[in-house]
PDB file of all heavy atoms in Angstrom:
ATOM      1  N   PRO A   1      -4.215  -6.968  13.818  1.00  0.00           N
ATOM      2  CA  PRO A   1      -4.152  -7.398  12.529  1.00  0.00           C
ATOM      3  C   PRO A   1      -3.283  -8.667  12.471  1.00  0.00           C
ATOM      4  O   PRO A   1      -2.393  -8.960  13.160  1.00  0.00           O
ATOM      5  CB  PRO A   1      -3.361  -6.394  11.827  1.00  0.00           C
ATOM      6  CG  PRO A   1      -2.583  -5.636  12.794  1.00  0.00           C
ATOM      7  CD  PRO A   1      -3.357  -5.776  14.115  1.00  0.00           C
ATOM      8  N   THR A   2      -3.767  -9.600  11.538  1.00  0.00           N
ATOM      9  CA  THR A   2      -3.012 -10.798  11.312  1.00  0.00           C
ATOM     10  C   THR A   2      -1.851 -10.463  10.372  1.00  0.00           C
ATOM     11  O   THR A   2      -1.817  -9.337   9.774  1.00  0.00           O
ATOM     12  CB  THR A   2      -3.880 -11.856  10.574  1.00  0.00           C
ATOM     13  OG1 THR A   2      -4.236 -11.366   9.237  1.00  0.00           O
ATOM     14  CG2 THR A   2      -5.189 -12.179  11.429  1.00  0.00           C
ATOM     15  N   ARG A   3      -0.888 -11.355  10.167  1.00  0.00           N
ATOM     16  CA  ARG A   3       0.234 -11.190   9.392  1.00  0.00           C
ATOM     17  C   ARG A   3      -0.189 -10.950   7.906  1.00  0.00           C
ATOM     18  O   ARG A   3       0.331 -10.092   7.271  1.00  0.00           O
ATOM     19  CB  ARG A   3       1.137 -12.371   9.475  1.00  0.00           C
ATOM     20  CG  ARG A   3       1.920 -12.394  10.834  1.00  0.00           C
ATOM     21  CD  ARG A   3       2.805 -13.643  10.817  1.00  0.00           C
ATOM     22  NE  ARG A   3       3.428 -13.908  12.139  1.00  0.00           N
ATOM     23  CZ  ARG A   3       4.528 -13.250  12.613  1.00  0.00           C
ATOM     24  NH1 ARG A   3       5.127 -12.497  11.800  1.00  0.00           N
ATOM     25  NH2 ARG A   3       4.989 -13.549  13.854  1.00  0.00           N
ATOM     26  N   ALA A   4      -1.112 -11.641   7.519  1.00  0.00           N
ATOM     27  CA  ALA A   4      -1.633 -11.586   6.038  1.00  0.00           C
ATOM     28  C   ALA A   4      -2.161 -10.195   5.884  1.00  0.00           C
ATOM     29  O   ALA A   4      -1.967  -9.561   4.912  1.00  0.00           O
ATOM     30  CB  ALA A   4      -2.626 -12.657   5.816  1.00  0.00           C
ATOM     31  N   GLU A   5      -3.015  -9.667   6.866  1.00  0.00           N
ATOM     32  CA  GLU A   5      -3.659  -8.355   6.748  1.00  0.00           C
ATOM     33  C   GLU A   5      -2.556  -7.304   6.728  1.00  0.00           C
ATOM     34  O   GLU A   5      -2.724  -6.304   6.005  1.00  0.00           O
ATOM     35  CB  GLU A   5      -4.663  -8.217   7.940  1.00  0.00           C
ATOM     36  CG  GLU A   5      -5.925  -9.026   7.855  1.00  0.00           C
ATOM     37  CD  GLU A   5      -6.730  -9.017   9.039  1.00  0.00           C
ATOM     38  OE1 GLU A   5      -6.121  -8.591  10.016  1.00  0.00           O
ATOM     39  OE2 GLU A   5      -7.849  -9.364   9.018  1.00  0.00           O
ATOM     40  N   LEU A   6      -1.641  -7.457   7.505  1.00  0.00           N
ATOM     41  CA  LEU A   6      -0.504  -6.338   7.573  1.00  0.00           C
ATOM     42  C   LEU A   6       0.140  -6.378   6.214  1.00  0.00           C
ATOM     43  O   LEU A   6       0.514  -5.288   5.717  1.00  0.00           O
ATOM     44  CB  LEU A   6       0.466  -6.712   8.764  1.00  0.00           C
ATOM     45  CG  LEU A   6       1.521  -5.792   8.952  1.00  0.00           C
ATOM     46  CD1 LEU A   6       1.039  -4.309   9.181  1.00  0.00           C
ATOM     47  CD2 LEU A   6       2.465  -6.196  10.015  1.00  0.00           C
ATOM     48  N   ARG A   7       0.535  -7.498   5.725  1.00  0.00           N
ATOM     49  CA  ARG A   7       1.175  -7.580   4.442  1.00  0.00           C
ATOM     50  C   ARG A   7       0.299  -6.843   3.320  1.00  0.00           C
ATOM     51  O   ARG A   7       0.867  -6.157   2.493  1.00  0.00           O
ATOM     52  CB  ARG A   7       1.427  -9.077   4.014  1.00  0.00           C
ATOM     53  CG  ARG A   7       2.213  -9.085   2.710  1.00  0.00           C
ATOM     54  CD  ARG A   7       2.624 -10.591   2.313  1.00  0.00           C
ATOM     55  NE  ARG A   7       1.312 -11.309   2.039  1.00  0.00           N
ATOM     56  CZ  ARG A   7       0.803 -12.381   2.793  1.00  0.00           C
ATOM     57  NH1 ARG A   7       1.427 -12.773   3.805  1.00  0.00           N
ATOM     58  NH2 ARG A   7      -0.336 -12.962   2.306  1.00  0.00           N
ATOM     59  N   ALA A   8      -1.060  -7.187   3.281  1.00  0.00           N
ATOM     60  CA  ALA A   8      -1.886  -6.562   2.406  1.00  0.00           C
ATOM     61  C   ALA A   8      -1.943  -5.137   2.518  1.00  0.00           C
ATOM     62  O   ALA A   8      -2.050  -4.325   1.520  1.00  0.00           O
ATOM     63  CB  ALA A   8      -3.277  -7.296   2.467  1.00  0.00           C
ATOM     64  N   LEU A   9      -2.005  -4.672   3.801  1.00  0.00           N
ATOM     65  CA  LEU A   9      -2.060  -3.230   4.072  1.00  0.00           C
ATOM     66  C   LEU A   9      -0.861  -2.494   3.582  1.00  0.00           C
ATOM     67  O   LEU A   9      -0.973  -1.475   3.014  1.00  0.00           O
ATOM     68  CB  LEU A   9      -2.364  -3.016   5.564  1.00  0.00           C
ATOM     69  CG  LEU A   9      -2.567  -1.499   5.966  1.00  0.00           C
ATOM     70  CD1 LEU A   9      -3.836  -0.992   5.367  1.00  0.00           C
ATOM     71  CD2 LEU A   9      -2.579  -1.468   7.542  1.00  0.00           C
ATOM     72  N   ILE A  10       0.301  -3.073   3.779  1.00  0.00           N
ATOM     73  CA  ILE A  10       1.615  -2.465   3.361  1.00  0.00           C
ATOM     74  C   ILE A  10       1.535  -2.411   1.808  1.00  0.00           C
ATOM     75  O   ILE A  10       2.039  -1.414   1.216  1.00  0.00           O
ATOM     76  CB  ILE A  10       2.805  -3.309   3.891  1.00  0.00           C
ATOM     77  CG1 ILE A  10       2.913  -3.058   5.402  1.00  0.00           C
ATOM     78  CG2 ILE A  10       4.049  -2.883   3.249  1.00  0.00           C
ATOM     79  CD1 ILE A  10       3.946  -3.829   6.089  1.00  0.00           C
ATOM     80  N   GLN A  11       1.175  -3.505   1.142  1.00  0.00           N
ATOM     81  CA  GLN A  11       1.174  -3.510  -0.306  1.00  0.00           C
ATOM     82  C   GLN A  11       0.222  -2.549  -0.829  1.00  0.00           C
ATOM     83  O   GLN A  11       0.450  -1.814  -1.798  1.00  0.00           O
ATOM     84  CB  GLN A  11       0.835  -4.927  -0.759  1.00  0.00           C
ATOM     85  CG  GLN A  11       1.913  -5.998  -0.532  1.00  0.00           C
ATOM     86  CD  GLN A  11       1.405  -7.408  -0.823  1.00  0.00           C
ATOM     87  OE1 GLN A  11       0.228  -7.574  -0.843  1.00  0.00           O
ATOM     88  NE2 GLN A  11       2.387  -8.192  -1.084  1.00  0.00           N
ATOM     89  N   GLN A  12      -0.953  -2.368  -0.166  1.00  0.00           N
ATOM     90  CA  GLN A  12      -2.030  -1.383  -0.644  1.00  0.00           C
ATOM     91  C   GLN A  12      -1.439  -0.009  -0.503  1.00  0.00           C
ATOM     92  O   GLN A  12      -1.612   0.876  -1.398  1.00  0.00           O
ATOM     93  CB  GLN A  12      -3.178  -1.593   0.296  1.00  0.00           C
ATOM     94  CG  GLN A  12      -4.368  -0.559  -0.135  1.00  0.00           C
ATOM     95  CD  GLN A  12      -5.496  -0.559   0.923  1.00  0.00           C
ATOM     96  OE1 GLN A  12      -5.635  -1.629   1.615  1.00  0.00           O
ATOM     97  NE2 GLN A  12      -6.293   0.474   1.035  1.00  0.00           N
ATOM     98  N   HIS A  13      -0.883   0.273   0.650  1.00  0.00           N
ATOM     99  CA  HIS A  13      -0.291   1.720   0.915  1.00  0.00           C
ATOM    100  C   HIS A  13       0.782   1.939  -0.059  1.00  0.00           C
ATOM    101  O   HIS A  13       0.946   3.080  -0.604  1.00  0.00           O
ATOM    102  CB  HIS A  13       0.074   1.840   2.360  1.00  0.00           C
ATOM    103  CG  HIS A  13      -0.991   1.893   3.322  1.00  0.00           C
ATOM    104  ND1 HIS A  13      -0.768   2.020   4.756  1.00  0.00           N
ATOM    105  CD2 HIS A  13      -2.320   1.873   3.146  1.00  0.00           C
ATOM    106  CE1 HIS A  13      -1.947   2.086   5.286  1.00  0.00           C
ATOM    107  NE2 HIS A  13      -2.851   2.002   4.391  1.00  0.00           N
ATOM    108  N   GLY A  14       1.618   0.978  -0.355  1.00  0.00           N
ATOM    109  CA  GLY A  14       2.713   1.185  -1.257  1.00  0.00           C
ATOM    110  C   GLY A  14       2.195   1.514  -2.674  1.00  0.00           C
ATOM    111  O   GLY A  14       2.747   2.413  -3.283  1.00  0.00           O
ATOM    112  N   ALA A  15       1.172   0.734  -3.039  1.00  0.00           N
ATOM    113  CA  ALA A  15       0.601   0.985  -4.445  1.00  0.00           C
ATOM    114  C   ALA A  15      -0.026   2.359  -4.512  1.00  0.00           C
ATOM    115  O   ALA A  15       0.008   3.060  -5.577  1.00  0.00           O
ATOM    116  CB  ALA A  15      -0.326  -0.096  -4.745  1.00  0.00           C
ATOM    117  N   GLU A  16      -0.885   2.687  -3.413  1.00  0.00           N
ATOM    118  CA  GLU A  16      -1.474   3.986  -3.484  1.00  0.00           C
ATOM    119  C   GLU A  16      -0.556   5.157  -3.521  1.00  0.00           C
ATOM    120  O   GLU A  16      -0.656   6.155  -4.182  1.00  0.00           O
ATOM    121  CB  GLU A  16      -2.418   4.077  -2.209  1.00  0.00           C
ATOM    122  CG  GLU A  16      -3.692   3.180  -2.308  1.00  0.00           C
ATOM    123  CD  GLU A  16      -4.457   3.236  -1.054  1.00  0.00           C
ATOM    124  OE1 GLU A  16      -3.993   3.862  -0.086  1.00  0.00           O
ATOM    125  OE2 GLU A  16      -5.567   2.655  -0.986  1.00  0.00           O
ATOM    126  N   LEU A  17       0.524   5.125  -2.597  1.00  0.00           N
ATOM    127  CA  LEU A  17       1.487   6.053  -2.570  1.00  0.00           C
ATOM    128  C   LEU A  17       2.257   6.233  -3.913  1.00  0.00           C
ATOM    129  O   LEU A  17       2.356   7.402  -4.492  1.00  0.00           O
ATOM    130  CB  LEU A  17       2.516   5.861  -1.427  1.00  0.00           C
ATOM    131  CG  LEU A  17       3.603   6.995  -1.238  1.00  0.00           C
ATOM    132  CD1 LEU A  17       3.005   8.241  -0.940  1.00  0.00           C
ATOM    133  CD2 LEU A  17       4.516   6.536  -0.109  1.00  0.00           C
ATOM    134  N   SER A  18       2.671   5.175  -4.587  1.00  0.00           N
ATOM    135  CA  SER A  18       3.307   5.185  -5.807  1.00  0.00           C
ATOM    136  C   SER A  18       2.366   5.836  -6.862  1.00  0.00           C
ATOM    137  O   SER A  18       2.843   6.583  -7.698  1.00  0.00           O
ATOM    138  CB  SER A  18       3.754   3.725  -6.220  1.00  0.00           C
ATOM    139  OG  SER A  18       4.248   3.806  -7.562  1.00  0.00           O
ATOM    140  N   SER A  19       1.067   5.443  -6.892  1.00  0.00           N
ATOM    141  CA  SER A  19       0.153   6.069  -7.836  1.00  0.00           C
ATOM    142  C   SER A  19       0.018   7.570  -7.605  1.00  0.00           C
ATOM    143  O   SER A  19      -0.005   8.231  -8.661  1.00  0.00           O
ATOM    144  CB  SER A  19      -1.252   5.297  -7.608  1.00  0.00           C
ATOM    145  OG  SER A  19      -2.131   5.930  -8.479  1.00  0.00           O
ATOM    146  N   GLN A  20      -0.010   8.008  -6.452  1.00  0.00           N
ATOM    147  CA  GLN A  20      -0.281   9.435  -6.141  1.00  0.00           C
ATOM    148  C   GLN A  20       0.981  10.213  -6.584  1.00  0.00           C
ATOM    149  O   GLN A  20       0.935  11.331  -7.063  1.00  0.00           O
ATOM    150  CB  GLN A  20      -0.673   9.624  -4.708  1.00  0.00           C
ATOM    151  CG  GLN A  20      -2.121   9.193  -4.378  1.00  0.00           C
ATOM    152  CD  GLN A  20      -3.105   9.818  -5.199  1.00  0.00           C
ATOM    153  OE1 GLN A  20      -3.045  11.011  -5.360  1.00  0.00           O
ATOM    154  NE2 GLN A  20      -4.013   9.084  -5.596  1.00  0.00           N
ATOM    155  N   LEU A  21       2.142   9.647  -6.268  1.00  0.00           N
ATOM    156  CA  LEU A  21       3.388  10.275  -6.539  1.00  0.00           C
ATOM    157  C   LEU A  21       3.516  10.382  -8.118  1.00  0.00           C
ATOM    158  O   LEU A  21       3.997  11.410  -8.555  1.00  0.00           O
ATOM    159  CB  LEU A  21       4.537   9.551  -6.009  1.00  0.00           C
ATOM    160  CG  LEU A  21       4.829   9.605  -4.510  1.00  0.00           C
ATOM    161  CD1 LEU A  21       5.958   8.733  -4.064  1.00  0.00           C
ATOM    162  CD2 LEU A  21       5.091  11.103  -4.096  1.00  0.00           C
ATOM    163  N   GLN A  22       3.153   9.382  -8.863  1.00  0.00           N
ATOM    164  CA  GLN A  22       3.094   9.410 -10.344  1.00  0.00           C
ATOM    165  C   GLN A  22       2.291  10.485 -10.844  1.00  0.00           C
ATOM    166  O   GLN A  22       2.444  11.235 -11.746  1.00  0.00           O
ATOM    167  CB  GLN A  22       2.840   8.088 -10.898  1.00  0.00           C
ATOM    168  CG  GLN A  22       3.856   6.975 -10.690  1.00  0.00           C
ATOM    169  CD  GLN A  22       3.417   5.651 -11.318  1.00  0.00           C
ATOM    170  OE1 GLN A  22       2.722   5.583 -12.305  1.00  0.00           O
ATOM    171  NE2 GLN A  22       3.916   4.560 -10.681  1.00  0.00           N
ATOM    172  N   ALA A  23       1.026  10.617 -10.173  1.00  0.00           N
ATOM    173  CA  ALA A  23       0.069  11.671 -10.599  1.00  0.00           C
ATOM    174  C   ALA A  23       0.637  12.979 -10.360  1.00  0.00           C
ATOM    175  O   ALA A  23       0.533  13.952 -11.116  1.00  0.00           O
ATOM    176  CB  ALA A  23      -1.220  11.428  -9.933  1.00  0.00           C
ATOM    177  N   HIS A  24       1.263  13.147  -9.134  1.00  0.00           N
ATOM    178  CA  HIS A  24       1.973  14.423  -8.815  1.00  0.00           C
ATOM    179  C   HIS A  24       3.043  14.779  -9.834  1.00  0.00           C
ATOM    180  O   HIS A  24       3.099  15.959 -10.244  1.00  0.00           O
ATOM    181  CB  HIS A  24       2.546  14.241  -7.431  1.00  0.00           C
ATOM    182  CG  HIS A  24       3.282  15.520  -6.988  1.00  0.00           C
ATOM    183  ND1 HIS A  24       2.809  16.751  -6.764  1.00  0.00           N
ATOM    184  CD2 HIS A  24       4.698  15.655  -6.780  1.00  0.00           C
ATOM    185  CE1 HIS A  24       3.711  17.635  -6.420  1.00  0.00           C
ATOM    186  NE2 HIS A  24       4.832  16.946  -6.440  1.00  0.00           N
TER     187      HIS A  24
END
């Protein structure tokens, strides 16, 4: 993965986890 892809993946996972925790 490139640096940009890694950053985007981390941001995506953070947003998804936050969303699921809020739903929980």
